[in-house]
C-alpha cells in the first residue's frame, strides 16, 4: 500500500494521527509527516485515517 497526502488540501486537523499514529504524525512545527510506504498490516488503521480526514486529503494506492 502507498499513502499519499495532498498537502494543498490538508488543513492539519490531525484526525489521521489519531486513527493511525504508526503512519501519521505532527512534527514540532505542527506539520504533517507520514510514512508513504507503511507495512500492509497497518491497512485497517490507514483506511480509517483516510475516511476520518475531513478534507479527503489522504489517498491510498495499491
C-alpha atoms as a PDB file:
ATOM      1  CA  UNK A   1       0.000   0.000   0.000  1.00  0.00           C
ATOM      2  CA  UNK A   2       1.153   3.509  -0.801  1.00  0.00           C
ATOM      3  CA  UNK A   3      -0.057   6.561   1.086  1.00  0.00           C
ATOM      4  CA  UNK A   4      -0.198   9.995  -0.461  1.00  0.00           C
ATOM      5  CA  UNK A   5      -1.397  13.169   1.248  1.00  0.00           C
ATOM      6  CA  UNK A   6      -2.393  16.145  -0.859  1.00  0.00           C
ATOM      7  CA  UNK A   7      -0.731  18.861   1.205  1.00  0.00           C
ATOM      8  CA  UNK A   8      -2.606  21.560  -0.730  1.00  0.00           C
ATOM      9  CA  UNK A   9      -5.823  20.163   0.778  1.00  0.00           C
ATOM     10  CA  UNK A  10      -4.532  19.128   4.206  1.00  0.00           C
ATOM     11  CA  UNK A  11      -5.607  21.518   6.953  1.00  0.00           C
ATOM     12  CA  UNK A  12      -3.829  19.671   9.779  1.00  0.00           C
ATOM     13  CA  UNK A  13      -6.993  18.545  11.556  1.00  0.00           C
ATOM     14  CA  UNK A  14      -4.821  15.574  12.666  1.00  0.00           C
ATOM     15  CA  UNK A  15      -7.631  13.033  12.577  1.00  0.00           C
ATOM     16  CA  UNK A  16      -5.231  10.748  10.700  1.00  0.00           C
ATOM     17  CA  UNK A  17      -2.746  10.988  13.569  1.00  0.00           C
ATOM     18  CA  UNK A  18      -5.389   9.705  15.988  1.00  0.00           C
ATOM     19  CA  UNK A  19      -6.523   6.926  13.626  1.00  0.00           C
ATOM     20  CA  UNK A  20      -3.075   5.680  12.559  1.00  0.00           C
ATOM     21  CA  UNK A  21      -0.295   7.076  14.762  1.00  0.00           C
ATOM     22  CA  UNK A  22       2.128   4.477  13.382  1.00  0.00           C
ATOM     23  CA  UNK A  23       1.872   6.177   9.975  1.00  0.00           C
ATOM     24  CA  UNK A  24       0.927   9.820  10.583  1.00  0.00           C
ATOM     25  CA  UNK A  25       2.465  12.332  12.988  1.00  0.00           C
ATOM     26  CA  UNK A  26       2.846  16.038  13.576  1.00  0.00           C
ATOM     27  CA  UNK A  27       6.364  17.408  13.877  1.00  0.00           C
ATOM     28  CA  UNK A  28       7.448  20.151  16.296  1.00  0.00           C
ATOM     29  CA  UNK A  29       6.166  22.784  13.846  1.00  0.00           C
ATOM     30  CA  UNK A  30       2.730  21.083  13.673  1.00  0.00           C
ATOM     31  CA  UNK A  31       3.364  19.966  10.095  1.00  0.00           C
ATOM     32  CA  UNK A  32       2.070  16.578   8.988  1.00  0.00           C
ATOM     33  CA  UNK A  33       4.620  13.847   8.412  1.00  0.00           C
ATOM     34  CA  UNK A  34       3.737  10.367   7.193  1.00  0.00           C
ATOM     35  CA  UNK A  35       5.175   7.060   6.023  1.00  0.00           C
ATOM     36  CA  UNK A  36       4.395   6.814   2.301  1.00  0.00           C
ATOM     37  CA  UNK A  37       5.050   3.056   2.227  1.00  0.00           C
ATOM     38  CA  UNK A  38       3.792   1.613   5.526  1.00  0.00           C
ATOM     39  CA  UNK A  39       3.537  -2.071   6.373  1.00  0.00           C
ATOM     40  CA  UNK A  40       0.453  -3.685   4.837  1.00  0.00           C
ATOM     41  CA  UNK A  41      -0.554  -4.924   8.296  1.00  0.00           C
ATOM     42  CA  UNK A  42      -1.482  -1.329   9.117  1.00  0.00           C
ATOM     43  CA  UNK A  43      -4.031  -1.143   6.286  1.00  0.00           C
ATOM     44  CA  UNK A  44      -7.147  -1.103   8.513  1.00  0.00           C
ATOM     45  CA  UNK A  45      -5.978   1.891  10.544  1.00  0.00           C
ATOM     46  CA  UNK A  46      -4.700   3.691   7.433  1.00  0.00           C
ATOM     47  CA  UNK A  47      -8.057   3.214   5.720  1.00  0.00           C
ATOM     48  CA  UNK A  48      -9.756   4.574   8.853  1.00  0.00           C
ATOM     49  CA  UNK A  49      -7.424   7.591   8.745  1.00  0.00           C
ATOM     50  CA  UNK A  50      -8.369   8.251   5.123  1.00  0.00           C
ATOM     51  CA  UNK A  51     -12.087   8.060   5.981  1.00  0.00           C
ATOM     52  CA  UNK A  52     -11.592  10.333   9.004  1.00  0.00           C
ATOM     53  CA  UNK A  53      -9.895  13.105   7.019  1.00  0.00           C
ATOM     54  CA  UNK A  54     -12.460  15.922   6.862  1.00  0.00           C
ATOM     55  CA  UNK A  55     -10.996  17.313   3.614  1.00  0.00           C
ATOM     56  CA  UNK A  56     -10.275  13.914   1.995  1.00  0.00           C
ATOM     57  CA  UNK A  57      -6.585  14.728   1.521  1.00  0.00           C
ATOM     58  CA  UNK A  58      -5.386  11.142   2.057  1.00  0.00           C
ATOM     59  CA  UNK A  59      -5.150   8.881  -0.979  1.00  0.00           C
ATOM     60  CA  UNK A  60      -4.310   5.178  -0.896  1.00  0.00           C
ATOM     61  CA  UNK A  61      -2.806   3.236  -3.791  1.00  0.00           C
ATOM     62  CA  UNK A  62      -2.147  -0.490  -4.089  1.00  0.00           C
END
